[in-house]
N, C-alpha and C. Protein backbone atom coordinates (compact mmCIF):
# COMPACT_ATOMS: atom_id res chain seq x y z
N UNK A 1 -21.20 -19.10 -12.41
CA UNK A 1 -19.46 -18.38 -11.73
C UNK A 1 -18.66 -19.54 -12.52
N UNK A 2 -17.46 -17.93 -12.21
CA UNK A 2 -16.40 -18.06 -12.82
C UNK A 2 -15.24 -19.61 -12.08
N UNK A 3 -15.08 -20.35 -12.93
CA UNK A 3 -13.90 -21.37 -11.96
C UNK A 3 -12.64 -20.70 -11.56
N UNK A 4 -12.32 -20.66 -10.58
CA UNK A 4 -11.22 -19.96 -9.74
C UNK A 4 -9.60 -21.18 -9.83
N UNK A 5 -8.53 -20.52 -10.45
CA UNK A 5 -7.51 -21.23 -10.05
C UNK A 5 -7.08 -22.02 -8.45
N UNK A 6 -7.09 -22.76 -8.22
CA UNK A 6 -7.02 -23.48 -6.51
C UNK A 6 -5.95 -22.53 -5.94
N UNK A 7 -5.37 -22.20 -6.55
CA UNK A 7 -3.37 -21.54 -5.97
C UNK A 7 -4.73 -20.33 -5.36
N UNK A 8 -5.59 -20.06 -5.59
CA UNK A 8 -5.91 -18.83 -5.44
C UNK A 8 -7.64 -18.46 -4.96
N UNK A 9 -7.91 -19.74 -4.18
CA UNK A 9 -8.47 -20.20 -3.19
C UNK A 9 -7.89 -19.58 -2.25
N UNK A 10 -7.50 -19.85 -1.78
CA UNK A 10 -6.49 -19.79 0.23
C UNK A 10 -6.53 -18.31 0.25
N UNK A 11 -6.04 -17.04 -0.59
CA UNK A 11 -5.28 -16.13 -0.75
C UNK A 11 -7.22 -15.14 -0.42
N UNK A 12 -8.00 -16.05 -1.02
CA UNK A 12 -9.39 -14.88 -1.45
C UNK A 12 -9.77 -15.47 -0.45
N UNK A 13 -10.64 -16.40 0.17
CA UNK A 13 -10.67 -16.92 1.63
C UNK A 13 -9.84 -15.79 2.69
N UNK A 14 -8.66 -16.25 2.71
CA UNK A 14 -8.32 -15.35 3.78
C UNK A 14 -8.78 -13.95 4.30
N UNK A 15 -8.63 -13.08 3.14
CA UNK A 15 -9.05 -11.42 2.06
C UNK A 15 -10.86 -11.38 2.61
N UNK A 16 -11.10 -12.71 2.67
CA UNK A 16 -12.28 -12.43 2.17
C UNK A 16 -12.75 -12.59 3.77
N UNK A 17 -12.14 -13.43 4.57
CA UNK A 17 -12.43 -13.11 6.21
C UNK A 17 -12.22 -12.42 6.92
N UNK A 18 -10.84 -11.43 6.00
CA UNK A 18 -11.09 -9.90 7.24
C UNK A 18 -12.30 -9.74 7.18
N UNK A 19 -12.89 -9.15 5.94
CA UNK A 19 -14.21 -8.72 5.78
C UNK A 19 -14.78 -7.91 6.79
N UNK A 20 -14.53 -9.52 7.76
CA UNK A 20 -16.10 -10.24 8.76
C UNK A 20 -15.09 -10.66 10.41
N UNK A 21 -13.95 -10.08 10.49
CA UNK A 21 -12.97 -9.77 11.79
C UNK A 21 -13.06 -8.89 12.11
N UNK A 22 -14.25 -8.89 13.47
CA UNK A 22 -14.49 -8.65 14.87
C UNK A 22 -13.27 -8.14 14.48
N UNK A 23 -12.15 -9.14 15.46
CA UNK A 23 -10.46 -8.19 15.61
C UNK A 23 -10.66 -6.64 14.92
N UNK A 24 -10.88 -6.47 13.37
CA UNK A 24 -10.12 -5.46 13.19
C UNK A 24 -10.91 -4.28 13.54
N UNK A 25 -11.75 -4.08 14.22
CA UNK A 25 -12.70 -3.22 14.47
C UNK A 25 -11.96 -1.76 14.74
N UNK A 26 -11.27 -2.42 16.47
CA UNK A 26 -10.83 -1.90 16.93
C UNK A 26 -9.52 -0.89 16.22
N UNK A 27 -8.94 -1.42 15.41
CA UNK A 27 -7.88 -0.41 15.28
C UNK A 27 -8.36 0.30 13.70
N UNK A 28 -9.52 0.23 12.67
CA UNK A 28 -10.11 0.17 12.26
C UNK A 28 -10.54 2.15 12.66
N UNK A 29 -11.20 1.43 14.41
CA UNK A 29 -12.07 2.74 14.55
C UNK A 29 -10.83 3.56 14.91
N UNK A 30 -9.18 3.22 15.19
CA UNK A 30 -8.83 4.03 15.44
C UNK A 30 -8.66 5.25 14.19
N UNK A 31 -8.37 4.24 12.93
CA UNK A 31 -7.78 4.54 11.62
C UNK A 31 -8.44 5.49 10.98
N UNK A 32 -10.31 5.28 12.00
CA UNK A 32 -10.96 6.43 10.63
C UNK A 32 -10.86 7.53 12.06
N UNK A 33 -10.50 7.32 12.55
CA UNK A 33 -10.66 8.69 13.28
C UNK A 33 -9.38 9.59 13.28
N UNK A 34 -8.76 9.18 13.01
CA UNK A 34 -7.15 9.59 12.04
C UNK A 34 -7.71 9.69 10.70
N UNK A 35 -8.62 9.98 9.53
CA UNK A 35 -8.89 9.73 8.78
C UNK A 35 -9.28 11.34 8.40
N UNK A 36 -10.91 11.25 9.23
CA UNK A 36 -11.20 11.67 9.96
C UNK A 36 -10.53 13.47 9.83
N UNK A 37 -9.58 13.61 9.79
CA UNK A 37 -8.93 14.85 10.43
C UNK A 37 -9.17 14.67 8.04
N UNK A 38 -8.84 14.68 7.57
CA UNK A 38 -8.68 14.44 6.10
C UNK A 38 -10.17 15.41 5.49
N UNK A 39 -11.12 14.45 6.30
CA UNK A 39 -12.94 15.30 6.12
C UNK A 39 -12.39 16.94 6.70
N UNK A 40 -11.58 17.30 7.91
CA UNK A 40 -11.78 18.79 8.29
C UNK A 40 -11.36 20.23 6.71
N UNK A 41 -10.65 18.87 5.78
CA UNK A 41 -9.97 20.00 4.28
C UNK A 41 -10.87 19.68 3.50
N UNK A 42 -11.61 19.80 3.43
CA UNK A 42 -12.95 19.29 2.73
C UNK A 42 -11.56 19.49 1.07
N UNK A 43 -10.84 20.76 0.99
CA UNK A 43 -10.09 20.86 -0.65
C UNK A 43 -8.71 19.61 -1.16
N UNK A 44 -8.73 19.18 0.35
CA UNK A 44 -7.09 18.51 0.87
C UNK A 44 -7.71 17.40 0.34
N UNK A 45 -9.07 16.72 0.72
CA UNK A 45 -9.67 15.47 0.64
C UNK A 45 -10.26 14.99 -1.14
N UNK A 46 -11.41 16.44 -1.23
CA UNK A 46 -10.57 16.34 -2.98
C UNK A 46 -10.04 16.25 -3.57
N UNK A 47 -9.03 16.66 -3.31
CA UNK A 47 -7.77 16.36 -4.21
C UNK A 47 -6.89 14.82 -3.93
N UNK A 48 -6.29 15.01 -2.87
CA UNK A 48 -6.37 13.21 -2.39
C UNK A 48 -6.99 11.90 -2.72
N UNK A 49 -8.85 12.66 -2.98
CA UNK A 49 -9.30 10.94 -3.45
C UNK A 49 -9.62 11.45 -5.40
N UNK A 50 -9.06 12.22 -5.27
CA UNK A 50 -8.52 12.50 -6.44
C UNK A 50 -9.56 13.17 -8.36
N UNK A 51 -10.50 13.27 -6.97
CA UNK A 51 -11.10 14.64 -7.24
C UNK A 51 -10.78 15.25 -9.22
N UNK A 52 -9.54 15.60 -8.96
CA UNK A 52 -9.57 16.25 -10.32
C UNK A 52 -9.20 15.64 -11.65
N UNK A 53 -8.67 14.66 -11.03
CA UNK A 53 -8.07 13.06 -12.41
C UNK A 53 -9.61 12.80 -12.69
N UNK A 54 -10.47 12.76 -11.52
CA UNK A 54 -11.92 11.83 -12.10
C UNK A 54 -11.56 10.59 -11.51
N UNK A 55 -10.58 10.25 -11.00
CA UNK A 55 -10.68 8.57 -10.43
C UNK A 55 -9.38 9.06 -9.44
N UNK A 56 -9.69 7.92 -8.93
CA UNK A 56 -8.92 8.28 -7.20
C UNK A 56 -7.56 7.60 -8.20
N UNK A 57 -6.56 8.39 -6.60
CA UNK A 57 -4.82 8.81 -7.08
C UNK A 57 -4.39 8.06 -6.59
N UNK A 58 -4.64 7.56 -5.00
CA UNK A 58 -4.30 5.83 -5.02
C UNK A 58 -3.64 5.06 -5.75
N UNK A 59 -4.22 4.50 -6.33
CA UNK A 59 -3.42 4.17 -7.29
C UNK A 59 -2.71 4.13 -8.43
N UNK A 60 -2.58 5.70 -8.95
CA UNK A 60 -1.33 6.51 -9.59
C UNK A 60 -0.33 6.41 -8.67
N UNK A 61 -0.38 6.51 -7.26
CA UNK A 61 0.31 7.22 -6.32
C UNK A 61 1.15 5.92 -5.59
N UNK A 62 0.47 4.43 -6.21
CA UNK A 62 1.56 4.01 -5.01
C UNK A 62 2.25 3.86 -6.18
N UNK A 63 2.31 3.96 -7.99
CA UNK A 63 3.51 3.01 -8.96
C UNK A 63 4.78 3.56 -8.32
N UNK A 64 5.12 4.60 -7.15
CA UNK A 64 6.41 5.69 -7.51
C UNK A 64 7.42 4.78 -6.52
N UNK A 65 6.16 4.91 -5.09
CA UNK A 65 6.99 3.69 -4.18
C UNK A 65 7.71 1.95 -4.11
N UNK A 66 6.45 1.38 -5.02
CA UNK A 66 6.38 -0.13 -5.72
C UNK A 66 7.36 -0.36 -6.48
N UNK A 67 7.09 1.13 -7.96
CA UNK A 67 8.43 0.66 -8.78
C UNK A 67 9.93 1.06 -8.29
N UNK A 68 9.90 1.95 -6.91
CA UNK A 68 10.87 1.59 -7.52
C UNK A 68 11.37 0.45 -6.20
N UNK A 69 11.01 0.06 -5.30
CA UNK A 69 11.92 -0.73 -5.02
C UNK A 69 11.95 -2.05 -5.17
N UNK A 70 11.11 -1.92 -6.12
CA UNK A 70 10.17 -3.63 -7.26
C UNK A 70 12.61 -3.30 -8.19
N UNK A 71 12.33 -1.97 -8.57
CA UNK A 71 13.57 -1.85 -9.25
C UNK A 71 15.12 -1.65 -8.48
N UNK A 72 14.58 -2.00 -7.05
CA UNK A 72 15.92 -1.91 -6.30
C UNK A 72 15.41 -2.78 -6.16
N UNK A 73 15.07 -3.89 -5.88
CA UNK A 73 15.15 -5.26 -5.11
C UNK A 73 16.02 -6.23 -7.02
N UNK A 74 15.75 -5.65 -7.87
CA UNK A 74 16.02 -6.83 -9.21
C UNK A 74 17.90 -5.92 -9.36
N UNK A 75 17.65 -5.33 -9.06
CA UNK A 75 19.69 -4.18 -8.64
C UNK A 75 20.01 -5.23 -8.74
N UNK A 76 19.59 -6.13 -6.46
CA UNK A 76 20.00 -6.19 -5.72
C UNK A 76 20.60 -7.50 -6.02
N UNK A 77 19.33 -7.57 -6.97
CA UNK A 77 19.75 -9.17 -7.10
C UNK A 77 20.34 -9.49 -8.68
N UNK A 78 20.94 -8.77 -8.87
CA UNK A 78 20.88 -9.36 -10.45
C UNK A 78 22.08 -7.83 -10.83
N UNK A 79 22.34 -6.22 -10.44
CA UNK A 79 24.08 -5.89 -10.61
C UNK A 79 25.22 -5.15 -10.20
N UNK A 80 24.38 -7.05 -9.30
CA UNK A 80 26.17 -6.63 -8.42
C UNK A 80 26.37 -5.45 -8.33
N UNK A 81 27.60 -4.62 -7.40
CA UNK A 81 28.77 -4.05 -6.91
C UNK A 81 28.29 -3.13 -7.41
N UNK A 82 28.01 -2.43 -9.30
CA UNK A 82 28.26 -1.70 -9.22
C UNK A 82 26.14 -0.88 -9.87
N UNK A 83 25.88 -1.71 -8.89
CA UNK A 83 24.23 -1.06 -8.76
C UNK A 83 23.62 -0.90 -7.46
N UNK A 84 24.82 -0.97 -6.70
CA UNK A 84 25.18 -0.85 -5.51
C UNK A 84 23.83 -0.18 -4.95
N UNK A 85 24.12 1.23 -5.33
CA UNK A 85 24.24 3.09 -4.81
C UNK A 85 23.08 3.50 -5.31
N UNK A 86 22.83 3.14 -6.56
CA UNK A 86 21.29 3.10 -7.71
C UNK A 86 20.35 1.99 -6.19
N UNK A 87 20.51 1.16 -6.39
CA UNK A 87 20.03 0.31 -5.47
C UNK A 87 19.34 0.95 -3.79
N UNK A 88 20.38 1.04 -3.27
CA UNK A 88 19.99 1.97 -1.94
C UNK A 88 19.26 3.41 -2.27
N UNK A 89 19.84 4.13 -3.75
CA UNK A 89 19.52 5.04 -3.88
C UNK A 89 17.28 4.79 -3.48
N UNK A 90 16.90 4.61 -4.35
CA UNK A 90 15.84 3.85 -5.31
C UNK A 90 14.72 3.13 -4.10
N UNK A 91 15.65 2.70 -2.36
CA UNK A 91 15.41 2.46 -1.66
C UNK A 91 14.55 2.91 0.04
N UNK A 92 15.32 3.85 -0.52
CA UNK A 92 14.57 5.39 -0.06
C UNK A 92 14.39 6.77 -0.90
N UNK A 93 14.69 6.71 -1.88
CA UNK A 93 13.15 6.95 -2.26
C UNK A 93 10.92 6.21 -2.50
N UNK A 94 12.26 5.77 -2.35
CA UNK A 94 10.01 4.62 -1.79
C UNK A 94 10.24 4.86 -1.02
N UNK A 95 10.84 4.87 -0.07
CA UNK A 95 9.86 5.24 1.64
C UNK A 95 9.53 6.57 1.57
N UNK A 96 10.95 7.15 0.35
CA UNK A 96 9.41 9.13 0.87
C UNK A 96 7.92 8.70 0.31
N UNK A 97 8.47 8.64 -1.41
CA UNK A 97 7.58 8.06 -2.33
C UNK A 97 5.92 8.03 -0.79
N UNK A 98 6.26 6.94 -0.01
CA UNK A 98 5.86 6.21 0.20
C UNK A 98 3.95 6.73 0.98
N UNK A 99 4.67 8.29 1.65
CA UNK A 99 3.90 9.10 2.47
C UNK A 99 2.43 10.06 1.74
N UNK A 100 2.91 10.14 0.42
CA UNK A 100 1.34 10.47 -0.56
C UNK A 100 1.00 9.37 -0.83
N UNK A 101 1.38 8.05 -1.25
CA UNK A 101 0.48 6.87 -1.39
C UNK A 101 -0.10 6.46 -1.02
N UNK A 102 -0.24 6.29 0.96
CA UNK A 102 -0.88 6.28 2.69
C UNK A 102 -1.66 7.25 2.17
N UNK A 103 -0.86 8.90 2.11
CA UNK A 103 -2.80 10.01 2.88
C UNK A 103 -3.33 9.65 1.08
N UNK A 104 -3.46 9.32 0.26
CA UNK A 104 -4.34 8.99 -1.07
C UNK A 104 -5.16 7.93 -0.55
N UNK A 105 -5.24 6.88 -0.18
CA UNK A 105 -5.14 5.50 0.45
C UNK A 105 -6.18 5.64 1.74
N UNK A 106 -5.66 6.45 2.66
CA UNK A 106 -6.57 6.60 3.76
C UNK A 106 -7.52 7.84 3.17
N UNK A 107 -7.38 8.25 2.09
CA UNK A 107 -9.07 9.39 1.51
C UNK A 107 -9.91 8.48 0.78
N UNK A 108 -9.40 6.81 0.59
CA UNK A 108 -10.48 6.56 0.07
C UNK A 108 -10.74 5.96 0.38
N UNK A 109 -10.32 4.87 1.61
CA UNK A 109 -10.92 4.37 2.32
C UNK A 109 -11.81 5.43 3.42
N UNK A 110 -11.74 6.37 4.25
CA UNK A 110 -12.50 7.15 4.79
C UNK A 110 -13.77 7.04 4.81
N UNK A 111 -14.52 6.78 3.61
CA UNK A 111 -15.61 6.29 4.01
C UNK A 111 -16.26 5.41 3.80
N UNK A 112 -15.53 4.16 3.51
CA UNK A 112 -15.96 2.78 3.73
C UNK A 112 -16.17 2.20 4.38
N UNK A 113 -17.71 1.42 4.06
CA UNK A 113 -18.16 0.69 5.07
C UNK A 113 -17.53 -0.45 5.41
N UNK A 114 -18.52 -0.93 6.80
CA UNK A 114 -17.43 -1.93 7.19
C UNK A 114 -16.28 -3.17 6.98
N UNK A 115 -17.24 -3.34 6.34
CA UNK A 115 -16.39 -4.97 5.67
C UNK A 115 -14.97 -4.20 4.76
N UNK A 116 -15.47 -3.25 4.09
CA UNK A 116 -14.62 -2.79 2.60
C UNK A 116 -13.53 -1.92 4.27
N UNK A 117 -13.77 -1.70 4.89
CA UNK A 117 -12.69 -1.26 5.74
C UNK A 117 -11.97 -2.08 6.93
N UNK A 118 -12.37 -2.76 7.08
CA UNK A 118 -12.03 -3.97 7.56
C UNK A 118 -10.54 -4.79 6.60
N UNK A 119 -10.66 -4.82 5.68
CA UNK A 119 -10.24 -5.36 4.59
C UNK A 119 -8.77 -3.49 4.67
N UNK A 120 -8.85 -2.71 4.44
CA UNK A 120 -8.70 -1.77 4.09
C UNK A 120 -7.46 -1.60 5.56
N UNK A 121 -7.96 -1.99 6.95
CA UNK A 121 -7.17 -1.62 7.69
C UNK A 121 -5.97 -2.57 7.79
N UNK A 122 -6.45 -3.64 7.01
CA UNK A 122 -5.64 -4.68 7.00
C UNK A 122 -4.66 -4.80 6.15
N UNK A 123 -5.17 -3.84 4.56
CA UNK A 123 -3.96 -3.21 3.82
C UNK A 123 -2.96 -2.58 4.45
N UNK A 124 -3.95 -1.81 5.22
CA UNK A 124 -2.59 -0.15 5.63
C UNK A 124 -2.06 -0.81 6.61
N UNK A 125 -2.00 -2.15 7.78
CA UNK A 125 -1.52 -2.91 8.60
C UNK A 125 -0.03 -3.03 7.27
N UNK A 126 -0.28 -4.23 6.55
CA UNK A 126 0.85 -4.69 5.77
C UNK A 126 1.72 -3.88 4.80
N UNK A 127 0.89 -2.23 4.95
CA UNK A 127 1.30 -1.34 4.34
C UNK A 127 2.35 -1.01 5.14
N UNK A 128 2.06 -0.12 6.29
CA UNK A 128 3.15 -0.38 7.55
C UNK A 128 3.90 -0.75 7.59
N UNK A 129 4.30 -2.59 8.02
CA UNK A 129 4.85 -2.76 7.91
C UNK A 129 5.95 -2.87 6.82
N UNK A 130 5.73 -3.29 5.65
CA UNK A 130 6.24 -3.00 4.49
C UNK A 130 7.23 -1.81 4.32
N UNK A 131 6.98 -0.90 5.07
CA UNK A 131 7.49 1.46 5.21
C UNK A 131 8.20 0.92 6.04
N UNK A 132 8.23 0.29 7.28
CA UNK A 132 8.82 -0.11 8.13
C UNK A 132 10.51 -1.18 8.50
N UNK A 133 9.82 -2.00 7.07
CA UNK A 133 11.59 -3.05 6.13
C UNK A 133 12.10 -1.98 5.31
N UNK A 134 11.11 -1.42 4.81
CA UNK A 134 12.02 -1.11 3.71
C UNK A 134 13.20 0.90 4.25
N UNK A 135 12.39 1.70 5.38
CA UNK A 135 13.55 2.14 5.92
C UNK A 135 14.57 1.07 6.78
N UNK A 136 14.36 -0.37 7.41
CA UNK A 136 14.96 -0.57 8.23
C UNK A 136 16.10 -1.33 7.42
N UNK A 137 15.75 -1.82 5.88
CA UNK A 137 17.07 -1.68 5.13
C UNK A 137 17.16 -0.38 4.73
N UNK A 138 17.43 0.47 4.08
CA UNK A 138 17.86 1.93 3.63
C UNK A 138 18.97 2.40 5.28
N UNK A 139 18.43 2.09 6.54
CA UNK A 139 19.58 2.45 7.29
C UNK A 139 20.38 1.33 7.30
N UNK A 140 20.03 0.20 7.75
CA UNK A 140 20.87 -1.19 6.95
C UNK A 140 22.19 -0.56 6.18
N UNK A 141 21.50 0.15 4.92
CA UNK A 141 22.18 -0.78 4.26
C UNK A 141 23.41 0.37 4.29
N UNK A 142 22.54 2.16 4.31
CA UNK A 142 23.27 3.63 5.11
C UNK A 142 24.36 3.04 5.99
N UNK A 143 24.96 1.88 7.35
CA UNK A 143 25.92 2.34 8.27
C UNK A 143 26.27 1.05 7.28
N UNK A 144 26.45 0.37 6.61
CA UNK A 144 27.01 -0.55 6.73
C UNK A 144 27.13 -2.45 6.38
N UNK A 145 25.86 -2.46 6.81
CA UNK A 145 25.16 -3.70 6.86
C UNK A 145 23.96 -3.80 5.54
N UNK A 146 25.21 -4.04 4.36
CA UNK A 146 24.55 -4.38 3.20
C UNK A 146 24.35 -5.54 3.01
N UNK A 147 24.46 -6.47 3.39
CA UNK A 147 23.76 -7.90 3.09
C UNK A 147 21.67 -8.09 3.72
N UNK A 148 21.93 -7.27 4.93
CA UNK A 148 20.90 -7.54 5.74
C UNK A 148 20.05 -6.71 5.36
N UNK A 149 20.28 -5.16 5.62
CA UNK A 149 19.67 -4.06 4.16
C UNK A 149 19.09 -5.10 2.91
N UNK A 150 19.80 -6.20 2.01
CA UNK A 150 19.24 -6.21 1.03
C UNK A 150 18.66 -7.24 1.79
N UNK A 151 18.39 -8.56 2.48
CA UNK A 151 17.00 -8.81 3.22
C UNK A 151 16.24 -8.94 3.56
N UNK A 152 16.23 -7.74 4.04
CA UNK A 152 15.50 -6.52 4.75
C UNK A 152 14.33 -6.58 4.80
N UNK A 153 14.59 -5.74 3.04
CA UNK A 153 14.31 -5.03 1.77
C UNK A 153 13.69 -6.40 0.86
N UNK A 154 13.89 -7.78 0.55
CA UNK A 154 12.93 -8.48 0.43
C UNK A 154 11.97 -8.78 1.25
N UNK A 155 12.58 -8.93 2.68
CA UNK A 155 11.13 -8.88 3.73
C UNK A 155 9.22 -8.07 3.82
N UNK A 156 10.47 -7.14 3.28
CA UNK A 156 9.43 -5.91 3.02
C UNK A 156 8.76 -5.98 1.57
N UNK A 157 9.61 -6.77 0.04
CA UNK A 157 8.50 -7.02 -1.10
C UNK A 157 7.70 -8.10 -0.41
N UNK A 158 8.34 -9.29 0.41
CA UNK A 158 6.95 -9.67 1.03
C UNK A 158 5.48 -9.56 1.60
N UNK A 159 5.92 -8.24 2.35
CA UNK A 159 5.12 -7.50 2.96
C UNK A 159 4.02 -6.94 1.49
N UNK A 160 4.66 -5.54 0.42
CA UNK A 160 3.75 -4.93 -0.08
C UNK A 160 3.09 -6.27 -1.19
N UNK A 161 3.80 -7.61 -1.72
CA UNK A 161 2.85 -8.00 -2.32
C UNK A 161 1.81 -8.83 -1.43
N UNK A 162 1.86 -9.43 -0.03
CA UNK A 162 0.54 -9.27 0.17
C UNK A 162 -0.71 -8.64 0.32
N UNK A 163 -0.14 -7.38 1.02
CA UNK A 163 -0.72 -5.95 1.77
C UNK A 163 -1.05 -5.57 -0.94
N UNK A 164 -0.62 -5.73 -1.13
CA UNK A 164 -0.76 -5.55 -2.96
C UNK A 164 -2.27 -6.59 -2.54
N UNK A 165 -1.94 -7.76 -3.22
CA UNK A 165 -3.25 -8.74 -2.81
C UNK A 165 -4.23 -8.20 -2.22
N UNK A 166 -4.65 -7.51 -0.63
CA UNK A 166 -5.56 -6.78 -0.27
C UNK A 166 -6.66 -5.72 -1.10
N UNK A 167 -4.75 -4.87 -1.51
CA UNK A 167 -5.83 -3.49 -2.46
C UNK A 167 -6.38 -4.28 -3.74
N UNK A 168 -5.88 -5.19 -4.62
CA UNK A 168 -6.77 -6.09 -5.17
C UNK A 168 -8.44 -6.29 -5.08
N UNK A 169 -7.61 -6.80 -3.83
CA UNK A 169 -9.68 -7.07 -3.34
C UNK A 169 -10.23 -6.56 -2.37
N UNK A 170 -9.56 -5.10 -1.64
CA UNK A 170 -10.91 -3.87 -2.53
C UNK A 170 -10.86 -3.32 -3.64
N UNK A 171 -10.54 -3.15 -4.65
CA UNK A 171 -10.51 -2.28 -5.21
C UNK A 171 -11.27 -3.51 -6.67
N UNK A 172 -11.29 -4.77 -6.35
CA UNK A 172 -11.72 -5.97 -7.49
C UNK A 172 -12.52 -6.97 -7.56
N UNK A 173 -13.39 -6.88 -5.89
CA UNK A 173 -13.96 -8.11 -5.45
C UNK A 173 -15.04 -6.88 -4.34
N UNK A 174 -14.63 -5.42 -3.98
CA UNK A 174 -15.24 -5.18 -3.05
C UNK A 174 -15.73 -4.04 -4.36
N UNK A 175 -15.08 -3.69 -5.00
CA UNK A 175 -15.49 -2.33 -6.18
C UNK A 175 -15.29 -1.39 -4.87
N UNK A 176 -14.04 -0.95 -4.17
CA UNK A 176 -13.81 0.23 -3.85
C UNK A 176 -12.98 0.84 -4.18
N UNK A 177 -12.33 2.84 -3.90
CA UNK A 177 -13.36 3.20 -3.35
C UNK A 177 -14.23 3.38 -4.65
N UNK A 178 -15.28 4.47 -4.44
CA UNK A 178 -15.79 5.06 -6.27
C UNK A 178 -16.54 6.40 -5.05
N UNK A 179 -15.58 7.07 -4.51
CA UNK A 179 -15.39 8.71 -4.04
C UNK A 179 -15.02 9.83 -5.25
N UNK A 180 -14.62 9.42 -6.47
CA UNK A 180 -13.94 10.54 -7.64
C UNK A 180 -15.05 10.65 -7.98
N UNK A 181 -14.91 11.68 -8.28
CA UNK A 181 -16.50 12.88 -9.36
C UNK A 181 -16.04 12.51 -10.81
N UNK A 182 -17.00 12.02 -11.25
CA UNK A 182 -16.62 11.75 -12.44
C UNK A 182 -15.97 13.43 -13.01
N UNK A 183 -15.23 13.73 -14.19
CA UNK A 183 -15.41 14.53 -15.10
C UNK A 183 -15.79 15.62 -16.45
N UNK A 184 -16.79 16.36 -15.65
CA UNK A 184 -17.82 17.29 -17.29
C UNK A 184 -17.26 17.47 -18.19
N UNK A 185 -18.81 16.75 -18.83
CA UNK A 185 -17.76 17.13 -20.43
C UNK A 185 -17.96 17.97 -21.20
């Protein structure tokens, strides 16, 4: 067994605890009903799962909102007044690009066993919180409450970081998903 850094022990324990949390069963069931709608269109499901790529599409699709939101945060914290318009635009574009990322994640998650599904439900919930915060940040910025919009965006960044940890737990600890078919040689 490889030793882990003590600071990593708490997040890992919390993520592992989610795997067996029966409190997540009801929202997981509701999310499964939504995911079942994707299964009705096999070509769409295959596309969302990344079969044309030969691997899951979700990790690729998350780069757009995460990159835009991270870039907006850097501009908010370092660029001063000249970076405001670009930061605001990046927050809005990140919100728009979150839907494809969510759909690919839902498609990957849809066939997961219970332990993986519970962590995926928590991951999706945190992403929803982040999306709500970034949407609110964009609206606040547009309405002239820029300082509050920046603070709300920073809170969104915290939610994204926590969700990203769970995404890493899904991919690297739980080894999920494994849906995409490899490309033929």
